[in-house]
Amino acid sequence: MFNELKNTIRTLVLPIAKKIPISPNVLTVMGLGISFLAAIEFAAGDLIMGAVLIMLSGIFDVLDGAVARSSGMMTPFGGVLDSVCDRYADAAIFAGIIYGSITGVIQTTTFFQAPLWLLCVIALIGSYMVSYTRARAEAAGSTAMNIGIAERSERLIILVLGALTYQIMIAVVLIAILTHITLLQRIWKAKQTL
């Protein structure tokens, strides 16, 4: 949904990226580290700081790609490292929310009797399956698999908005639902293209 916006942001960031003397892979790992800090904040029950750190890690996620493009350092390994770090970041953030909900520092009700920790697990499974479906379909020869209503950027925006408004339960429920819809969209696209 935000592909055009992401491309616009990347274009705007390019002049800044040319001046950054840090390797894109280092920026990727730094973004992952910030995601771990976000997870710690969620685990401690600080939803606002968790959201702020997710946004900061998102800046690094934009910068690593921009620096790679502007410096001509785009490599297949960099793409793999970026994907792996994104999956680790997603897992860490949800693990922090799960811990915070189990210990009670994140106060929520249930959603149709499902506790927040269980909904986080469902959302995380959906997030991973969205990425896996794209990777598997592209490996089989499908193209243009960056489709769906809940790619990673959308999921993180929903999570940030939920944390900032103290509606983390609603955000996680939305992610749990939308990731599985995105998964179905990608399976359908793979069926059409393969």
Protein backbone atom coordinates (compact mmCIF):
# COMPACT_ATOMS: atom_id res chain seq x y z
CA MET A 1 0.00 0.00 0.00
CA PHE A 2 2.85 2.40 0.79
CA ASN A 3 5.19 1.44 -2.08
CA GLU A 4 4.91 4.84 -3.80
CA LEU A 5 5.45 6.66 -0.51
CA LYS A 6 8.48 4.47 0.24
CA ASN A 7 9.96 5.25 -3.18
CA THR A 8 9.38 8.97 -2.65
CA ILE A 9 11.07 8.85 0.76
CA ARG A 10 14.01 6.92 -0.70
CA THR A 11 14.41 9.57 -3.41
CA LEU A 12 14.31 12.38 -0.84
CA VAL A 13 16.85 10.61 1.38
CA LEU A 14 19.39 9.95 -1.41
CA PRO A 15 21.25 13.30 -1.05
CA ILE A 16 21.62 12.66 2.68
CA ALA A 17 22.60 9.03 2.11
CA LYS A 18 25.51 10.04 -0.13
CA LYS A 19 27.09 11.83 2.86
CA ILE A 20 26.76 8.95 5.33
CA PRO A 21 30.17 7.29 5.76
CA ILE A 22 28.75 4.12 7.34
CA SER A 23 28.37 0.82 5.49
CA PRO A 24 24.76 -0.11 4.61
CA ASN A 25 25.23 -3.44 6.41
CA VAL A 26 26.30 -1.63 9.58
CA LEU A 27 23.19 0.57 9.33
CA THR A 28 21.06 -2.58 8.95
CA VAL A 29 22.53 -4.10 12.12
CA MET A 30 22.15 -0.80 13.98
CA GLY A 31 18.46 -0.75 13.02
CA LEU A 32 18.13 -4.28 14.40
CA GLY A 33 19.76 -3.18 17.65
CA ILE A 34 17.25 -0.35 17.97
CA SER A 35 14.42 -2.87 17.42
CA PHE A 36 15.79 -4.89 20.34
CA LEU A 37 15.68 -1.73 22.45
CA ALA A 38 12.05 -1.25 21.37
CA ALA A 39 11.34 -4.82 22.50
CA ILE A 40 12.86 -4.07 25.91
CA GLU A 41 10.67 -0.99 26.26
CA PHE A 42 7.55 -2.98 25.36
CA ALA A 43 8.58 -5.67 27.85
CA ALA A 44 8.84 -2.95 30.50
CA GLY A 45 5.40 -1.63 29.56
CA ASP A 46 6.55 1.66 27.99
CA LEU A 47 4.44 1.67 24.83
CA ILE A 48 5.36 5.23 23.85
CA MET A 49 9.12 4.64 23.98
CA GLY A 50 8.65 1.31 22.19
CA ALA A 51 6.81 3.11 19.39
CA VAL A 52 9.45 5.84 19.17
CA LEU A 53 12.20 3.24 18.88
CA ILE A 54 10.30 1.36 16.15
CA MET A 55 10.13 4.63 14.21
CA LEU A 56 13.85 5.19 14.76
CA SER A 57 14.65 1.68 13.53
CA GLY A 58 12.49 2.44 10.49
CA ILE A 59 14.74 5.41 9.70
CA PHE A 60 17.73 3.06 9.70
CA ASP A 61 15.77 0.67 7.49
CA VAL A 62 15.28 3.45 4.93
CA LEU A 63 18.87 4.71 5.26
CA ASP A 64 20.57 1.34 4.73
CA GLY A 65 18.92 0.89 1.35
CA ALA A 66 19.51 4.51 0.36
CA VAL A 67 23.19 4.35 1.31
CA ALA A 68 23.58 1.09 -0.60
CA ARG A 69 22.01 2.63 -3.72
CA SER A 70 23.85 5.95 -3.54
CA SER A 71 27.26 4.37 -2.94
CA GLY A 72 26.83 1.54 -5.43
CA MET A 73 27.16 -0.99 -2.59
CA MET A 74 23.99 -2.96 -3.30
CA THR A 75 24.89 -6.63 -2.97
CA PRO A 76 22.93 -9.87 -2.79
CA PHE A 77 24.38 -10.44 0.69
CA GLY A 78 23.15 -7.01 1.81
CA GLY A 79 19.65 -7.96 0.70
CA VAL A 80 19.82 -11.23 2.62
CA LEU A 81 21.18 -9.50 5.74
CA ASP A 82 18.42 -6.88 5.55
CA SER A 83 15.70 -9.55 5.28
CA VAL A 84 17.13 -11.62 8.13
CA CYS A 85 17.45 -8.55 10.37
CA ASP A 86 13.86 -7.54 9.55
CA ARG A 87 12.62 -10.97 10.66
CA TYR A 88 14.68 -10.78 13.88
CA ALA A 89 13.35 -7.28 14.54
CA ASP A 90 9.74 -8.39 14.06
CA ALA A 91 10.24 -11.35 16.40
CA ALA A 92 11.96 -9.25 19.05
CA ILE A 93 9.25 -6.57 19.04
CA PHE A 94 6.43 -9.11 19.37
CA ALA A 95 8.41 -10.99 22.05
CA GLY A 96 8.65 -7.76 24.03
CA ILE A 97 4.89 -7.19 23.76
CA ILE A 98 4.23 -10.82 24.72
CA TYR A 99 6.47 -10.51 27.78
CA GLY A 100 4.84 -7.23 28.77
CA SER A 101 1.37 -8.72 28.48
CA ILE A 102 2.22 -11.89 30.41
CA THR A 103 3.85 -9.96 33.26
CA GLY A 104 0.93 -7.52 33.33
CA VAL A 105 2.88 -4.32 32.65
CA ILE A 106 0.89 -3.96 29.42
CA GLN A 107 -2.72 -3.77 30.58
CA THR A 108 -5.21 -5.13 28.05
CA THR A 109 -8.44 -7.00 27.90
CA THR A 110 -8.97 -10.06 25.73
CA PHE A 111 -10.26 -10.17 22.19
CA PHE A 112 -12.94 -12.87 21.90
CA GLN A 113 -11.28 -14.46 24.95
CA ALA A 114 -7.86 -14.52 23.24
CA PRO A 115 -5.15 -12.83 25.35
CA LEU A 116 -2.71 -10.35 23.83
CA TRP A 117 0.20 -12.80 23.93
CA LEU A 118 -1.70 -15.32 21.80
CA LEU A 119 -2.74 -12.65 19.30
CA CYS A 120 0.92 -11.58 19.07
CA VAL A 121 1.88 -15.15 18.20
CA ILE A 122 -0.80 -15.25 15.47
CA ALA A 123 0.37 -11.85 14.14
CA LEU A 124 3.99 -12.99 14.13
CA ILE A 125 3.13 -16.20 12.30
CA GLY A 126 1.23 -14.15 9.73
CA SER A 127 4.14 -11.72 9.37
CA TYR A 128 6.59 -14.54 8.78
CA MET A 129 4.30 -16.30 6.32
CA VAL A 130 3.89 -13.10 4.29
CA SER A 131 7.68 -12.93 3.89
CA TYR A 132 8.09 -16.66 3.34
CA THR A 133 5.38 -16.76 0.66
CA ARG A 134 7.10 -13.98 -1.26
CA ALA A 135 10.51 -15.63 -1.00
CA ARG A 136 9.21 -19.07 -1.97
CA ALA A 137 7.12 -17.76 -4.87
CA GLU A 138 10.02 -15.69 -6.22
CA ALA A 139 12.35 -18.69 -5.91
CA ALA A 140 9.84 -20.67 -7.99
CA GLY A 141 9.89 -17.97 -10.69
CA SER A 142 7.04 -15.64 -9.75
CA THR A 143 7.57 -11.92 -10.12
CA ALA A 144 6.12 -8.76 -8.54
CA MET A 145 5.33 -10.43 -5.23
CA ASN A 146 5.54 -7.21 -3.19
CA ILE A 147 1.76 -7.03 -3.04
CA GLY A 148 -0.78 -7.15 -0.26
CA ILE A 149 -2.49 -4.89 2.21
CA ALA A 150 -0.07 -5.53 5.08
CA GLU A 151 3.55 -5.55 4.01
CA ARG A 152 6.14 -4.88 6.71
CA SER A 153 5.87 -1.07 6.55
CA GLU A 154 2.11 -1.17 7.03
CA ARG A 155 2.43 -3.61 9.94
CA LEU A 156 4.95 -1.41 11.73
CA ILE A 157 2.84 1.72 11.17
CA ILE A 158 -0.19 -0.06 12.66
CA LEU A 159 1.89 -1.20 15.64
CA VAL A 160 3.33 2.28 16.22
CA LEU A 161 -0.12 3.90 16.05
CA GLY A 162 -1.52 1.27 18.42
CA ALA A 163 1.29 1.83 20.91
CA LEU A 164 1.10 5.63 20.75
CA THR A 165 -2.66 5.55 21.40
CA TYR A 166 -2.45 2.76 24.01
CA GLN A 167 -4.57 0.60 21.71
CA ILE A 168 -1.96 -2.13 21.32
CA MET A 169 -4.60 -4.88 21.41
CA ILE A 170 -6.46 -3.39 18.44
CA ALA A 171 -3.18 -2.94 16.54
CA VAL A 172 -2.13 -6.55 17.11
CA VAL A 173 -5.58 -7.85 16.12
CA LEU A 174 -5.42 -5.79 12.92
CA ILE A 175 -1.94 -7.13 12.13
CA ALA A 176 -3.06 -10.70 12.85
CA ILE A 177 -5.99 -10.36 10.45
CA LEU A 178 -4.28 -8.32 7.73
CA THR A 179 -1.16 -10.48 7.54
CA HIS A 180 -3.24 -13.56 6.81
CA ILE A 181 -5.22 -11.66 4.16
CA THR A 182 -1.89 -10.57 2.62
CA LEU A 183 -0.72 -14.16 2.70
CA LEU A 184 -3.79 -15.22 0.72
CA GLN A 185 -3.26 -12.35 -1.74
CA ARG A 186 0.31 -13.51 -2.34
CA ILE A 187 -0.69 -17.16 -2.74
CA TRP A 188 -3.30 -16.10 -5.31
CA LYS A 189 -0.74 -13.95 -7.14
CA ALA A 190 1.74 -16.85 -7.13
CA LYS A 191 -0.92 -19.15 -8.56
CA GLN A 192 -1.62 -16.67 -11.36
CA THR A 193 2.02 -16.05 -12.26
CA LEU A 194 3.27 -19.62 -11.90
